[in-house]
Amino acid sequence: MNNRTITIYMRKNINSAIFSAPLNLVKVEEYKEADECFRIKDTGSYKSIVICGFRSAKEPINLIK
């Protein structure tokens, strides 16, 4: 992400971009199918991507010893 666009990459490689949109056209929405996810929409092209965080951020971590 720079000061004008947001880009989502599949890997560390710069050629692995799977979504990119100008920030002034981005809309972030709730993703109702999973609490830990949200949808980023490009209102100019109507493309979107769902981003999910780690469940451990909301649930206790159970350590196996």
N, C-alpha and C. Protein backbone atom coordinates (compact mmCIF):
# COMPACT_ATOMS: atom_id res chain seq x y z
N MET A 1 0.85 -1.17 0.00
CA MET A 1 0.00 0.00 0.00
C MET A 1 0.89 1.23 0.00
N ASN A 2 0.55 2.18 -0.82
CA ASN A 2 1.21 3.48 -0.77
C ASN A 2 0.16 4.52 -0.42
N ASN A 3 0.40 5.75 -0.70
CA ASN A 3 -0.58 6.77 -0.33
C ASN A 3 -1.73 6.91 -1.33
N ARG A 4 -1.74 6.07 -2.40
CA ARG A 4 -2.81 6.17 -3.39
C ARG A 4 -3.52 4.86 -3.69
N THR A 5 -2.89 3.74 -3.40
CA THR A 5 -3.50 2.44 -3.73
C THR A 5 -3.32 1.44 -2.60
N ILE A 6 -4.15 0.43 -2.62
CA ILE A 6 -3.97 -0.72 -1.75
C ILE A 6 -3.81 -1.93 -2.67
N THR A 7 -2.82 -2.76 -2.38
CA THR A 7 -2.55 -3.94 -3.19
C THR A 7 -2.42 -5.14 -2.27
N ILE A 8 -3.05 -6.24 -2.63
CA ILE A 8 -2.99 -7.48 -1.87
C ILE A 8 -2.14 -8.47 -2.67
N TYR A 9 -1.14 -9.03 -2.01
CA TYR A 9 -0.23 -9.97 -2.65
C TYR A 9 -0.47 -11.37 -2.10
N MET A 10 -0.26 -12.39 -2.94
CA MET A 10 -0.38 -13.78 -2.53
C MET A 10 0.90 -14.24 -1.84
N ARG A 11 2.04 -13.70 -2.28
CA ARG A 11 3.35 -14.05 -1.73
C ARG A 11 4.17 -12.77 -1.57
N LYS A 12 5.40 -12.92 -1.14
CA LYS A 12 6.29 -11.76 -1.00
C LYS A 12 6.71 -11.20 -2.34
N ASN A 13 6.58 -11.96 -3.39
CA ASN A 13 6.97 -11.55 -4.73
C ASN A 13 6.06 -10.43 -5.24
N ILE A 14 6.63 -9.38 -5.76
CA ILE A 14 5.84 -8.25 -6.24
C ILE A 14 4.94 -8.62 -7.42
N ASN A 15 5.28 -9.68 -8.13
CA ASN A 15 4.47 -10.13 -9.27
C ASN A 15 3.27 -10.98 -8.85
N SER A 16 3.06 -11.17 -7.56
CA SER A 16 1.97 -12.02 -7.09
C SER A 16 0.74 -11.24 -6.64
N ALA A 17 0.59 -10.02 -7.12
CA ALA A 17 -0.56 -9.19 -6.74
C ALA A 17 -1.86 -9.83 -7.22
N ILE A 18 -2.82 -9.96 -6.31
CA ILE A 18 -4.11 -10.55 -6.66
C ILE A 18 -5.25 -9.53 -6.61
N PHE A 19 -4.99 -8.35 -6.03
CA PHE A 19 -6.02 -7.30 -5.96
C PHE A 19 -5.31 -5.97 -5.79
N SER A 20 -5.76 -4.97 -6.51
CA SER A 20 -5.22 -3.63 -6.37
C SER A 20 -6.31 -2.63 -6.71
N ALA A 21 -6.38 -1.55 -5.92
CA ALA A 21 -7.42 -0.54 -6.15
C ALA A 21 -6.97 0.81 -5.61
N PRO A 22 -7.39 1.89 -6.25
CA PRO A 22 -7.13 3.22 -5.72
C PRO A 22 -7.88 3.42 -4.39
N LEU A 23 -7.22 4.01 -3.43
CA LEU A 23 -7.84 4.18 -2.11
C LEU A 23 -9.13 5.01 -2.15
N ASN A 24 -9.21 5.96 -3.06
CA ASN A 24 -10.43 6.78 -3.11
C ASN A 24 -11.63 6.01 -3.66
N LEU A 25 -11.40 4.80 -4.21
CA LEU A 25 -12.50 3.97 -4.71
C LEU A 25 -12.74 2.72 -3.86
N VAL A 26 -12.04 2.62 -2.72
CA VAL A 26 -12.14 1.42 -1.88
C VAL A 26 -13.24 1.59 -0.85
N LYS A 27 -14.00 0.51 -0.70
CA LYS A 27 -15.04 0.46 0.34
C LYS A 27 -14.81 -0.83 1.13
N VAL A 28 -14.77 -0.72 2.45
CA VAL A 28 -14.59 -1.88 3.33
C VAL A 28 -15.94 -2.24 3.92
N GLU A 29 -16.29 -3.52 3.79
CA GLU A 29 -17.59 -3.99 4.27
C GLU A 29 -17.43 -5.18 5.21
N GLU A 30 -18.41 -5.36 6.04
CA GLU A 30 -18.49 -6.54 6.90
C GLU A 30 -18.70 -7.77 6.03
N TYR A 31 -18.08 -8.88 6.41
CA TYR A 31 -18.28 -10.15 5.70
C TYR A 31 -19.06 -11.04 6.65
N LYS A 32 -20.35 -11.21 6.41
CA LYS A 32 -21.24 -11.85 7.37
C LYS A 32 -21.04 -13.35 7.50
N GLU A 33 -20.38 -13.98 6.52
CA GLU A 33 -20.17 -15.43 6.57
C GLU A 33 -19.14 -15.84 7.62
N ALA A 34 -18.26 -14.91 8.03
CA ALA A 34 -17.24 -15.21 9.04
C ALA A 34 -16.89 -13.93 9.79
N ASP A 35 -16.92 -13.99 11.11
CA ASP A 35 -16.68 -12.81 11.94
C ASP A 35 -15.28 -12.23 11.79
N GLU A 36 -14.29 -13.09 11.50
CA GLU A 36 -12.91 -12.62 11.45
C GLU A 36 -12.53 -12.08 10.06
N CYS A 37 -13.49 -11.98 9.16
CA CYS A 37 -13.22 -11.56 7.79
C CYS A 37 -13.90 -10.23 7.46
N PHE A 38 -13.37 -9.56 6.43
CA PHE A 38 -14.02 -8.37 5.89
C PHE A 38 -13.79 -8.35 4.38
N ARG A 39 -14.61 -7.61 3.67
CA ARG A 39 -14.53 -7.53 2.21
C ARG A 39 -14.02 -6.15 1.83
N ILE A 40 -13.06 -6.11 0.90
CA ILE A 40 -12.57 -4.87 0.32
C ILE A 40 -13.11 -4.81 -1.11
N LYS A 41 -13.83 -3.74 -1.44
CA LYS A 41 -14.43 -3.59 -2.77
C LYS A 41 -13.82 -2.39 -3.49
N ASP A 42 -13.59 -2.57 -4.77
CA ASP A 42 -13.19 -1.48 -5.65
C ASP A 42 -14.47 -1.00 -6.33
N THR A 43 -14.96 0.15 -5.94
CA THR A 43 -16.24 0.64 -6.46
C THR A 43 -16.14 1.08 -7.92
N GLY A 44 -14.93 1.24 -8.43
CA GLY A 44 -14.76 1.62 -9.83
C GLY A 44 -14.89 0.45 -10.78
N SER A 45 -14.37 -0.71 -10.37
CA SER A 45 -14.42 -1.89 -11.25
C SER A 45 -15.34 -2.97 -10.71
N TYR A 46 -15.85 -2.78 -9.52
CA TYR A 46 -16.75 -3.74 -8.86
C TYR A 46 -16.05 -5.06 -8.52
N LYS A 47 -14.71 -5.08 -8.50
CA LYS A 47 -13.98 -6.25 -8.05
C LYS A 47 -13.92 -6.19 -6.53
N SER A 48 -13.80 -7.36 -5.90
CA SER A 48 -13.69 -7.39 -4.45
C SER A 48 -12.86 -8.59 -4.01
N ILE A 49 -12.40 -8.53 -2.77
CA ILE A 49 -11.63 -9.62 -2.18
C ILE A 49 -12.00 -9.71 -0.71
N VAL A 50 -12.03 -10.92 -0.19
CA VAL A 50 -12.32 -11.14 1.23
C VAL A 50 -11.00 -11.41 1.95
N ILE A 51 -10.76 -10.68 3.03
CA ILE A 51 -9.55 -10.82 3.83
C ILE A 51 -9.96 -11.35 5.20
N CYS A 52 -9.25 -12.38 5.67
CA CYS A 52 -9.56 -12.97 6.97
C CYS A 52 -8.35 -12.90 7.89
N GLY A 53 -8.61 -12.58 9.14
CA GLY A 53 -7.56 -12.58 10.15
C GLY A 53 -7.47 -13.93 10.82
N PHE A 54 -6.64 -13.99 11.82
CA PHE A 54 -6.46 -15.24 12.56
C PHE A 54 -7.53 -15.37 13.63
N ARG A 55 -8.09 -16.55 13.77
CA ARG A 55 -9.10 -16.78 14.81
C ARG A 55 -8.54 -16.57 16.21
N SER A 56 -7.27 -16.83 16.39
CA SER A 56 -6.67 -16.74 17.73
C SER A 56 -6.76 -15.33 18.32
N ALA A 57 -6.99 -14.33 17.46
CA ALA A 57 -7.12 -12.98 17.97
C ALA A 57 -8.40 -12.79 18.77
N LYS A 58 -9.43 -13.62 18.51
CA LYS A 58 -10.70 -13.50 19.20
C LYS A 58 -10.97 -14.65 20.14
N GLU A 59 -10.25 -15.75 19.98
CA GLU A 59 -10.48 -16.92 20.80
C GLU A 59 -9.23 -17.22 21.63
N PRO A 60 -9.41 -17.80 22.80
CA PRO A 60 -8.24 -18.15 23.60
C PRO A 60 -7.38 -19.19 22.90
N ILE A 61 -6.09 -19.10 23.12
CA ILE A 61 -5.17 -20.07 22.53
C ILE A 61 -4.99 -21.26 23.47
N ASN A 62 -5.29 -22.45 22.98
CA ASN A 62 -5.12 -23.66 23.77
C ASN A 62 -3.80 -24.31 23.39
N LEU A 63 -2.89 -24.36 24.32
CA LEU A 63 -1.59 -24.96 24.06
C LEU A 63 -1.64 -26.45 24.36
N ILE A 64 -1.08 -27.22 23.47
CA ILE A 64 -1.00 -28.68 23.65
C ILE A 64 0.39 -28.99 24.16
N LYS A 65 0.44 -29.66 25.32
CA LYS A 65 1.74 -30.02 25.90
C LYS A 65 2.00 -31.49 25.75
